[in-house]
Amino acid sequence: MYSLRRQTVKKLFLFFLIYLPVQYIFIGISGVLWSEPWPAFALPGFKNVPNTQNQTQVLKPYFYIQLDDSTGAEIEVEPSELFNGIQPSQLQGFIRTNFSQPKEFDRDVRQWFNRQITRMYPSVKAKTLKIRWKNVFYGQSEKRVVEISRENVRVVTIPFET
């Protein structure tokens, strides 16, 4: 049977004593500058949810198709329908990464959205896709969680070519 010498055990202990903090420092810096090399080194952090004794606040995206007509009516669409190829476990992270701040979308992206909407609603002529980020406040009522209110935070608009 193989046994480690006392000196080898000390060296291994010292190696890991130094290696583990260096690894977490690397993850912290790379997570701020780029994206964390997950899951190679550590599990991702969980999203912070502001919470008081009476209510919980969650930032959520809501997708709306604005119609290209004189009424300016909107149709709410589920992100899971729009991005049907993305795994549900990855959808919220994808939306947060790509649609959390207003920006200019290139022509190919706008055309892709237009094709998706046409596929979902063949009779609808869409003017824009709006992603409204809202703080949603939840509370408890008779042992159930209920939505108390919504507060607009920002809007990301993707216009289509007409």
N, C-alpha and C. Protein backbone atom coordinates (compact mmCIF):
# COMPACT_ATOMS: atom_id res chain seq x y z
N MET A 1 0.85 -1.19 0.00
CA MET A 1 0.00 0.00 0.00
C MET A 1 0.88 1.24 0.00
N TYR A 2 0.40 2.24 -0.71
CA TYR A 2 1.16 3.48 -0.87
C TYR A 2 0.88 4.41 0.30
N SER A 3 1.91 4.99 0.86
CA SER A 3 1.72 5.96 1.94
C SER A 3 2.55 7.20 1.63
N LEU A 4 2.00 8.34 1.98
CA LEU A 4 2.69 9.60 1.75
C LEU A 4 3.64 9.89 2.91
N ARG A 5 4.77 10.42 2.57
CA ARG A 5 5.70 10.84 3.62
C ARG A 5 5.18 12.11 4.27
N ARG A 6 5.58 12.34 5.48
CA ARG A 6 5.15 13.51 6.25
C ARG A 6 5.48 14.81 5.51
N GLN A 7 6.65 14.88 4.89
CA GLN A 7 7.09 16.07 4.15
C GLN A 7 6.18 16.32 2.93
N THR A 8 5.76 15.26 2.23
CA THR A 8 4.86 15.38 1.06
C THR A 8 3.50 15.91 1.49
N VAL A 9 2.97 15.42 2.58
CA VAL A 9 1.68 15.89 3.10
C VAL A 9 1.75 17.37 3.44
N LYS A 10 2.82 17.80 4.05
CA LYS A 10 2.98 19.22 4.38
C LYS A 10 3.02 20.07 3.12
N LYS A 11 3.73 19.60 2.09
CA LYS A 11 3.82 20.35 0.83
C LYS A 11 2.44 20.44 0.16
N LEU A 12 1.70 19.34 0.15
CA LEU A 12 0.35 19.36 -0.44
C LEU A 12 -0.55 20.32 0.34
N PHE A 13 -0.50 20.27 1.65
CA PHE A 13 -1.31 21.16 2.47
C PHE A 13 -0.97 22.62 2.18
N LEU A 14 0.30 22.94 2.11
CA LEU A 14 0.74 24.30 1.83
C LEU A 14 0.32 24.75 0.43
N PHE A 15 0.43 23.84 -0.53
CA PHE A 15 0.01 24.16 -1.90
C PHE A 15 -1.46 24.57 -1.94
N PHE A 16 -2.33 23.75 -1.33
CA PHE A 16 -3.75 24.05 -1.36
C PHE A 16 -4.10 25.25 -0.49
N LEU A 17 -3.35 25.48 0.54
CA LEU A 17 -3.56 26.65 1.38
C LEU A 17 -3.34 27.93 0.58
N ILE A 18 -2.41 27.90 -0.36
CA ILE A 18 -2.13 29.06 -1.21
C ILE A 18 -3.03 29.06 -2.44
N TYR A 19 -3.25 27.90 -3.06
CA TYR A 19 -3.98 27.77 -4.32
C TYR A 19 -5.45 28.21 -4.19
N LEU A 20 -6.14 27.78 -3.16
CA LEU A 20 -7.57 28.08 -3.04
C LEU A 20 -7.87 29.58 -2.95
N PRO A 21 -7.19 30.36 -2.10
CA PRO A 21 -7.45 31.81 -2.10
C PRO A 21 -7.10 32.48 -3.43
N VAL A 22 -6.01 32.05 -4.07
CA VAL A 22 -5.63 32.62 -5.37
C VAL A 22 -6.70 32.32 -6.41
N GLN A 23 -7.26 31.13 -6.37
CA GLN A 23 -8.32 30.75 -7.30
C GLN A 23 -9.54 31.66 -7.13
N TYR A 24 -9.96 31.91 -5.90
CA TYR A 24 -11.12 32.76 -5.67
C TYR A 24 -10.85 34.22 -6.00
N ILE A 25 -9.64 34.68 -5.82
CA ILE A 25 -9.29 36.04 -6.24
C ILE A 25 -9.40 36.14 -7.76
N PHE A 26 -8.88 35.14 -8.47
CA PHE A 26 -8.97 35.11 -9.93
C PHE A 26 -10.43 35.12 -10.39
N ILE A 27 -11.27 34.33 -9.75
CA ILE A 27 -12.69 34.27 -10.11
C ILE A 27 -13.35 35.63 -9.87
N GLY A 28 -13.04 36.25 -8.75
CA GLY A 28 -13.63 37.56 -8.45
C GLY A 28 -13.25 38.61 -9.46
N ILE A 29 -11.97 38.67 -9.83
CA ILE A 29 -11.52 39.67 -10.81
C ILE A 29 -12.08 39.36 -12.19
N SER A 30 -12.01 38.12 -12.62
CA SER A 30 -12.51 37.78 -13.95
C SER A 30 -14.03 37.95 -14.02
N GLY A 31 -14.74 37.70 -12.92
CA GLY A 31 -16.18 37.89 -12.90
C GLY A 31 -16.58 39.34 -13.06
N VAL A 32 -15.76 40.25 -12.57
CA VAL A 32 -16.04 41.69 -12.71
C VAL A 32 -15.66 42.17 -14.11
N LEU A 33 -14.51 41.76 -14.60
CA LEU A 33 -14.02 42.25 -15.89
C LEU A 33 -14.69 41.58 -17.09
N TRP A 34 -14.90 40.29 -17.04
CA TRP A 34 -15.50 39.55 -18.16
C TRP A 34 -16.71 38.83 -17.61
N SER A 35 -16.72 37.52 -17.76
CA SER A 35 -17.74 36.74 -17.09
C SER A 35 -17.03 35.62 -16.35
N GLU A 36 -17.65 35.17 -15.29
CA GLU A 36 -17.01 34.17 -14.46
C GLU A 36 -16.77 32.89 -15.26
N PRO A 37 -15.62 32.25 -15.07
CA PRO A 37 -15.35 31.00 -15.80
C PRO A 37 -16.15 29.84 -15.21
N TRP A 38 -17.43 30.02 -15.11
CA TRP A 38 -18.33 29.07 -14.48
C TRP A 38 -18.56 27.90 -15.42
N PRO A 39 -18.73 26.71 -14.97
CA PRO A 39 -18.62 26.24 -13.60
C PRO A 39 -17.25 25.65 -13.29
N ALA A 40 -16.24 26.08 -14.00
CA ALA A 40 -14.92 25.50 -13.84
C ALA A 40 -14.40 25.62 -12.41
N PHE A 41 -14.64 26.75 -11.75
CA PHE A 41 -14.05 26.97 -10.44
C PHE A 41 -15.07 27.05 -9.31
N ALA A 42 -16.19 27.70 -9.55
CA ALA A 42 -17.16 27.89 -8.47
C ALA A 42 -18.55 28.03 -9.07
N LEU A 43 -19.54 27.81 -8.26
CA LEU A 43 -20.91 28.00 -8.70
C LEU A 43 -21.22 29.49 -8.78
N PRO A 44 -22.15 29.89 -9.64
CA PRO A 44 -22.48 31.31 -9.75
C PRO A 44 -23.19 31.82 -8.50
N GLY A 45 -23.06 33.11 -8.27
CA GLY A 45 -23.75 33.72 -7.15
C GLY A 45 -25.23 33.84 -7.46
N PHE A 46 -26.05 33.86 -6.43
CA PHE A 46 -27.47 34.01 -6.63
C PHE A 46 -27.82 35.49 -6.66
N LYS A 47 -28.87 35.81 -7.41
CA LYS A 47 -29.31 37.18 -7.57
C LYS A 47 -29.82 37.71 -6.22
N ASN A 48 -29.45 38.94 -5.93
CA ASN A 48 -29.89 39.58 -4.70
C ASN A 48 -31.32 40.08 -4.90
N VAL A 49 -32.21 39.75 -4.00
CA VAL A 49 -33.61 40.17 -4.08
C VAL A 49 -33.90 41.05 -2.88
N PRO A 50 -34.12 42.38 -3.11
CA PRO A 50 -34.44 43.26 -1.99
C PRO A 50 -35.71 42.77 -1.28
N ASN A 51 -35.67 42.76 0.02
CA ASN A 51 -36.75 42.17 0.78
C ASN A 51 -36.96 42.97 2.06
N THR A 52 -38.21 43.26 2.37
CA THR A 52 -38.55 43.83 3.66
C THR A 52 -39.50 42.85 4.34
N GLN A 53 -39.94 43.21 5.52
CA GLN A 53 -40.83 42.30 6.24
C GLN A 53 -42.17 42.14 5.51
N ASN A 54 -42.61 43.17 4.80
CA ASN A 54 -43.94 43.13 4.18
C ASN A 54 -43.94 42.83 2.69
N GLN A 55 -42.81 43.06 2.01
CA GLN A 55 -42.83 42.86 0.56
C GLN A 55 -41.45 42.49 0.03
N THR A 56 -41.45 41.92 -1.17
CA THR A 56 -40.24 41.54 -1.87
C THR A 56 -40.26 42.21 -3.24
N GLN A 57 -39.12 42.72 -3.67
CA GLN A 57 -39.00 43.43 -4.94
C GLN A 57 -38.17 42.60 -5.91
N VAL A 58 -38.69 42.43 -7.14
CA VAL A 58 -37.99 41.68 -8.17
C VAL A 58 -38.01 42.50 -9.45
N LEU A 59 -36.84 42.63 -10.10
CA LEU A 59 -36.74 43.33 -11.39
C LEU A 59 -37.03 42.31 -12.49
N LYS A 60 -38.09 42.56 -13.29
CA LYS A 60 -38.51 41.61 -14.31
C LYS A 60 -38.68 42.30 -15.66
N PRO A 61 -38.34 41.58 -16.75
CA PRO A 61 -38.59 42.13 -18.08
C PRO A 61 -39.96 41.69 -18.60
N TYR A 62 -40.64 42.60 -19.27
CA TYR A 62 -41.91 42.30 -19.94
C TYR A 62 -41.75 42.69 -21.40
N PHE A 63 -42.09 41.78 -22.31
CA PHE A 63 -41.93 42.00 -23.74
C PHE A 63 -43.28 42.36 -24.36
N TYR A 64 -43.27 43.43 -25.16
CA TYR A 64 -44.48 43.89 -25.83
C TYR A 64 -44.21 44.14 -27.31
N ILE A 65 -45.14 43.69 -28.14
CA ILE A 65 -45.08 43.98 -29.57
C ILE A 65 -45.99 45.17 -29.81
N GLN A 66 -45.42 46.26 -30.32
CA GLN A 66 -46.23 47.43 -30.64
C GLN A 66 -46.68 47.29 -32.09
N LEU A 67 -47.98 47.39 -32.32
CA LEU A 67 -48.53 47.21 -33.66
C LEU A 67 -48.27 48.41 -34.54
N ASP A 68 -48.14 48.15 -35.83
CA ASP A 68 -47.91 49.20 -36.81
C ASP A 68 -49.24 49.67 -37.37
N ASP A 69 -50.02 50.28 -36.51
CA ASP A 69 -51.31 50.84 -36.93
C ASP A 69 -51.54 52.14 -36.17
N SER A 70 -52.64 52.77 -36.42
CA SER A 70 -52.91 54.07 -35.81
C SER A 70 -53.25 53.97 -34.32
N THR A 71 -53.61 52.79 -33.84
CA THR A 71 -54.01 52.67 -32.44
C THR A 71 -52.81 52.61 -31.49
N GLY A 72 -51.68 52.12 -31.99
CA GLY A 72 -50.51 51.97 -31.11
C GLY A 72 -50.69 50.87 -30.08
N ALA A 73 -51.63 49.95 -30.36
CA ALA A 73 -51.90 48.85 -29.42
C ALA A 73 -50.67 47.97 -29.26
N GLU A 74 -50.63 47.26 -28.13
CA GLU A 74 -49.50 46.38 -27.83
C GLU A 74 -50.01 45.00 -27.46
N ILE A 75 -49.19 44.00 -27.81
CA ILE A 75 -49.47 42.62 -27.43
C ILE A 75 -48.32 42.16 -26.54
N GLU A 76 -48.66 41.68 -25.34
CA GLU A 76 -47.61 41.15 -24.47
C GLU A 76 -47.25 39.75 -24.94
N VAL A 77 -45.97 39.48 -25.02
CA VAL A 77 -45.49 38.17 -25.47
C VAL A 77 -44.54 37.59 -24.43
N GLU A 78 -44.64 36.30 -24.23
CA GLU A 78 -43.77 35.62 -23.27
C GLU A 78 -42.38 35.45 -23.86
N PRO A 79 -41.33 35.78 -23.11
CA PRO A 79 -39.97 35.59 -23.61
C PRO A 79 -39.68 34.15 -24.03
N SER A 80 -40.27 33.18 -23.34
CA SER A 80 -40.04 31.78 -23.68
C SER A 80 -40.59 31.44 -25.07
N GLU A 81 -41.63 32.15 -25.53
CA GLU A 81 -42.15 31.96 -26.89
C GLU A 81 -41.22 32.60 -27.91
N LEU A 82 -40.77 33.80 -27.59
CA LEU A 82 -39.91 34.55 -28.50
C LEU A 82 -38.56 33.89 -28.68
N PHE A 83 -37.99 33.40 -27.59
CA PHE A 83 -36.67 32.74 -27.61
C PHE A 83 -36.86 31.25 -27.34
N ASN A 84 -37.64 30.59 -28.19
CA ASN A 84 -38.01 29.20 -27.92
C ASN A 84 -36.85 28.22 -28.01
N GLY A 85 -35.70 28.60 -28.52
CA GLY A 85 -34.57 27.70 -28.60
C GLY A 85 -33.65 27.74 -27.39
N ILE A 86 -33.90 28.64 -26.47
CA ILE A 86 -33.03 28.80 -25.30
C ILE A 86 -33.63 28.02 -24.13
N GLN A 87 -32.78 27.30 -23.41
CA GLN A 87 -33.22 26.52 -22.26
C GLN A 87 -33.85 27.45 -21.21
N PRO A 88 -34.95 27.04 -20.60
CA PRO A 88 -35.60 27.88 -19.58
C PRO A 88 -34.66 28.28 -18.45
N SER A 89 -33.74 27.41 -18.07
CA SER A 89 -32.83 27.73 -16.98
C SER A 89 -31.83 28.82 -17.35
N GLN A 90 -31.64 29.06 -18.65
CA GLN A 90 -30.69 30.06 -19.11
C GLN A 90 -31.35 31.32 -19.65
N LEU A 91 -32.66 31.30 -19.78
CA LEU A 91 -33.36 32.41 -20.43
C LEU A 91 -33.22 33.73 -19.68
N GLN A 92 -33.42 33.74 -18.36
CA GLN A 92 -33.34 35.01 -17.61
C GLN A 92 -31.95 35.62 -17.70
N GLY A 93 -30.92 34.80 -17.61
CA GLY A 93 -29.56 35.30 -17.74
C GLY A 93 -29.28 35.86 -19.12
N PHE A 94 -29.79 35.19 -20.16
CA PHE A 94 -29.64 35.67 -21.53
C PHE A 94 -30.32 37.03 -21.71
N ILE A 95 -31.52 37.16 -21.19
CA ILE A 95 -32.26 38.42 -21.32
C ILE A 95 -31.55 39.53 -20.55
N ARG A 96 -31.12 39.25 -19.32
CA ARG A 96 -30.40 40.26 -18.53
C ARG A 96 -29.12 40.71 -19.23
N THR A 97 -28.39 39.77 -19.80
CA THR A 97 -27.12 40.10 -20.46
C THR A 97 -27.32 40.92 -21.72
N ASN A 98 -28.33 40.60 -22.51
CA ASN A 98 -28.47 41.21 -23.84
C ASN A 98 -29.50 42.33 -23.95
N PHE A 99 -30.43 42.43 -23.01
CA PHE A 99 -31.51 43.40 -23.17
C PHE A 99 -31.77 44.25 -21.94
N SER A 100 -30.81 44.34 -21.04
CA SER A 100 -31.06 45.10 -19.81
C SER A 100 -30.86 46.61 -19.98
N GLN A 101 -30.07 47.02 -20.96
CA GLN A 101 -29.82 48.44 -21.19
C GLN A 101 -30.16 48.81 -22.63
N PRO A 102 -30.69 50.03 -22.85
CA PRO A 102 -30.96 50.46 -24.22
C PRO A 102 -29.67 50.49 -25.04
N LYS A 103 -29.76 49.98 -26.26
CA LYS A 103 -28.62 50.00 -27.18
C LYS A 103 -29.14 49.88 -28.60
N GLU A 104 -28.25 50.09 -29.54
CA GLU A 104 -28.58 49.99 -30.96
C GLU A 104 -28.43 48.53 -31.39
N PHE A 105 -29.47 47.97 -31.99
CA PHE A 105 -29.42 46.60 -32.48
C PHE A 105 -29.19 46.62 -33.99
N ASP A 106 -28.33 45.73 -34.47
CA ASP A 106 -28.04 45.74 -35.90
C ASP A 106 -29.21 45.17 -36.71
N ARG A 107 -29.13 45.33 -38.00
CA ARG A 107 -30.21 44.99 -38.93
C ARG A 107 -30.59 43.51 -38.84
N ASP A 108 -29.59 42.62 -38.73
CA ASP A 108 -29.87 41.18 -38.67
C ASP A 108 -30.68 40.82 -37.43
N VAL A 109 -30.36 41.44 -36.31
CA VAL A 109 -31.10 41.17 -35.06
C VAL A 109 -32.55 41.64 -35.21
N ARG A 110 -32.73 42.84 -35.73
CA ARG A 110 -34.10 43.36 -35.91
C ARG A 110 -34.91 42.48 -36.86
N GLN A 111 -34.28 42.00 -37.93
CA GLN A 111 -34.97 41.12 -38.87
C GLN A 111 -35.32 39.78 -38.22
N TRP A 112 -34.40 39.27 -37.39
CA TRP A 112 -34.68 38.01 -36.70
C TRP A 112 -35.90 38.15 -35.80
N PHE A 113 -35.97 39.25 -35.02
CA PHE A 113 -37.13 39.48 -34.17
C PHE A 113 -38.41 39.61 -35.00
N ASN A 114 -38.31 40.31 -36.09
CA ASN A 114 -39.48 40.48 -36.95
C ASN A 114 -39.96 39.12 -37.48
N ARG A 115 -39.04 38.25 -37.88
CA ARG A 115 -39.41 36.90 -38.36
C ARG A 115 -40.05 36.09 -37.23
N GLN A 116 -39.50 36.17 -36.03
CA GLN A 116 -40.06 35.44 -34.89
C GLN A 116 -41.50 35.89 -34.61
N ILE A 117 -41.71 37.20 -34.63
CA ILE A 117 -43.05 37.73 -34.34
C ILE A 117 -44.02 37.35 -35.45
N THR A 118 -43.57 37.39 -36.70
CA THR A 118 -44.42 36.99 -37.82
C THR A 118 -44.77 35.51 -37.71
N ARG A 119 -43.82 34.69 -37.27
CA ARG A 119 -44.08 33.26 -37.08
C ARG A 119 -45.13 33.05 -35.99
N MET A 120 -45.04 33.81 -34.91
CA MET A 120 -45.95 33.66 -33.78
C MET A 120 -47.33 34.25 -34.06
N TYR A 121 -47.33 35.41 -34.74
CA TYR A 121 -48.58 36.13 -35.02
C TYR A 121 -48.61 36.49 -36.51
N PRO A 122 -49.01 35.57 -37.39
CA PRO A 122 -48.94 35.82 -38.84
C PRO A 122 -49.77 37.02 -39.32
N SER A 123 -50.85 37.34 -38.63
CA SER A 123 -51.71 38.42 -39.09
C SER A 123 -51.33 39.79 -38.51
N VAL A 124 -50.29 39.83 -37.70
CA VAL A 124 -49.90 41.07 -37.02
C VAL A 124 -48.76 41.74 -37.77
N LYS A 125 -48.89 43.05 -37.98
CA LYS A 125 -47.80 43.85 -38.54
C LYS A 125 -47.19 44.62 -37.37
N ALA A 126 -45.94 44.23 -37.01
CA ALA A 126 -45.28 44.81 -35.84
C ALA A 126 -44.47 46.04 -36.23
N LYS A 127 -44.48 47.04 -35.35
CA LYS A 127 -43.69 48.25 -35.54
C LYS A 127 -42.41 48.18 -34.72
N THR A 128 -42.53 47.82 -33.44
CA THR A 128 -41.37 47.71 -32.55
C THR A 128 -41.60 46.58 -31.55
N LEU A 129 -40.49 46.16 -30.96
CA LEU A 129 -40.54 45.26 -29.82
C LEU A 129 -40.01 46.06 -28.64
N LYS A 130 -40.78 46.10 -27.57
CA LYS A 130 -40.36 46.86 -26.39
C LYS A 130 -40.17 45.90 -25.23
N ILE A 131 -39.04 46.06 -24.56
CA ILE A 131 -38.77 45.31 -23.34
C ILE A 131 -38.84 46.30 -22.21
N ARG A 132 -39.88 46.19 -21.39
CA ARG A 132 -40.06 47.08 -20.26
C ARG A 132 -39.58 46.37 -19.00
N TRP A 133 -38.56 46.95 -18.41
CA TRP A 133 -38.04 46.43 -17.14
C TRP A 133 -38.82 47.09 -16.02
N LYS A 134 -39.40 46.26 -15.16
CA LYS A 134 -40.24 46.78 -14.08
C LYS A 134 -39.82 46.15 -12.75
N ASN A 135 -39.86 46.98 -11.72
CA ASN A 135 -39.75 46.45 -10.36
C ASN A 135 -41.13 45.94 -9.99
N VAL A 136 -41.23 44.67 -9.68
CA VAL A 136 -42.50 44.07 -9.28
C VAL A 136 -42.41 43.80 -7.78
N PHE A 137 -43.40 44.29 -7.05
CA PHE A 137 -43.43 44.15 -5.60
C PHE A 137 -44.45 43.08 -5.23
N TYR A 138 -43.99 42.11 -4.44
CA TYR A 138 -44.84 41.02 -3.99
C TYR A 138 -45.01 41.09 -2.49
N GLY A 139 -46.16 40.65 -2.04
CA GLY A 139 -46.43 40.57 -0.61
C GLY A 139 -47.21 39.30 -0.32
N GLN A 140 -47.55 39.11 0.94
CA GLN A 140 -48.27 37.92 1.32
C GLN A 140 -49.68 38.29 1.75
N SER A 141 -50.65 37.52 1.26
CA SER A 141 -52.04 37.74 1.63
C SER A 141 -52.68 36.37 1.85
N GLU A 142 -53.13 36.13 3.05
CA GLU A 142 -53.80 34.87 3.39
C GLU A 142 -52.99 33.66 2.93
N LYS A 143 -51.73 33.62 3.31
CA LYS A 143 -50.83 32.51 3.03
C LYS A 143 -50.55 32.31 1.53
N ARG A 144 -50.75 33.36 0.74
CA ARG A 144 -50.44 33.32 -0.70
C ARG A 144 -49.56 34.51 -1.02
N VAL A 145 -48.69 34.33 -2.00
CA VAL A 145 -47.87 35.44 -2.48
C VAL A 145 -48.66 36.13 -3.59
N VAL A 146 -48.83 37.44 -3.47
CA VAL A 146 -49.59 38.20 -4.47
C VAL A 146 -48.76 39.40 -4.93
N GLU A 147 -49.01 39.80 -6.16
CA GLU A 147 -48.35 40.99 -6.69
C GLU A 147 -49.05 42.21 -6.13
N ILE A 148 -48.24 43.12 -5.57
CA ILE A 148 -48.80 44.34 -4.99
C ILE A 148 -48.83 45.46 -6.03
N SER A 149 -47.67 45.66 -6.69
CA SER A 149 -47.60 46.73 -7.68
C SER A 149 -46.41 46.52 -8.61
N ARG A 150 -46.42 47.32 -9.69
CA ARG A 150 -45.31 47.33 -10.65
C ARG A 150 -44.86 48.77 -10.85
N GLU A 151 -43.55 48.92 -11.02
CA GLU A 151 -42.97 50.25 -11.22
C GLU A 151 -42.02 50.18 -12.41
N ASN A 152 -42.27 51.03 -13.42
CA ASN A 152 -41.39 51.05 -14.60
C ASN A 152 -40.00 51.53 -14.22
N VAL A 153 -38.97 50.86 -14.74
CA VAL A 153 -37.59 51.23 -14.48
C VAL A 153 -36.95 51.78 -15.75
N ARG A 154 -37.04 51.03 -16.84
CA ARG A 154 -36.47 51.47 -18.12
C ARG A 154 -37.11 50.67 -19.25
N VAL A 155 -36.92 51.16 -20.47
CA VAL A 155 -37.47 50.51 -21.66
C VAL A 155 -36.36 50.34 -22.69
N VAL A 156 -36.29 49.15 -23.25
CA VAL A 156 -35.38 48.86 -24.37
C VAL A 156 -36.28 48.66 -25.58
N THR A 157 -36.04 49.44 -26.64
CA THR A 157 -36.89 49.39 -27.83
C THR A 157 -36.09 48.86 -29.02
N ILE A 158 -36.71 47.92 -29.74
CA ILE A 158 -36.10 47.38 -30.96
C ILE A 158 -37.06 47.72 -32.10
N PRO A 159 -36.72 48.73 -32.91
CA PRO A 159 -37.61 49.09 -34.03
C PRO A 159 -37.40 48.15 -35.22
N PHE A 160 -38.49 47.95 -35.98
CA PHE A 160 -38.41 47.13 -37.18
C PHE A 160 -38.45 48.03 -38.40
N GLU A 161 -37.89 47.52 -39.48
CA GLU A 161 -37.94 48.28 -40.73
C GLU A 161 -39.31 48.11 -41.34
N THR A 162 -39.88 49.20 -41.78
CA THR A 162 -41.21 49.14 -42.38
C THR A 162 -41.16 49.19 -43.87
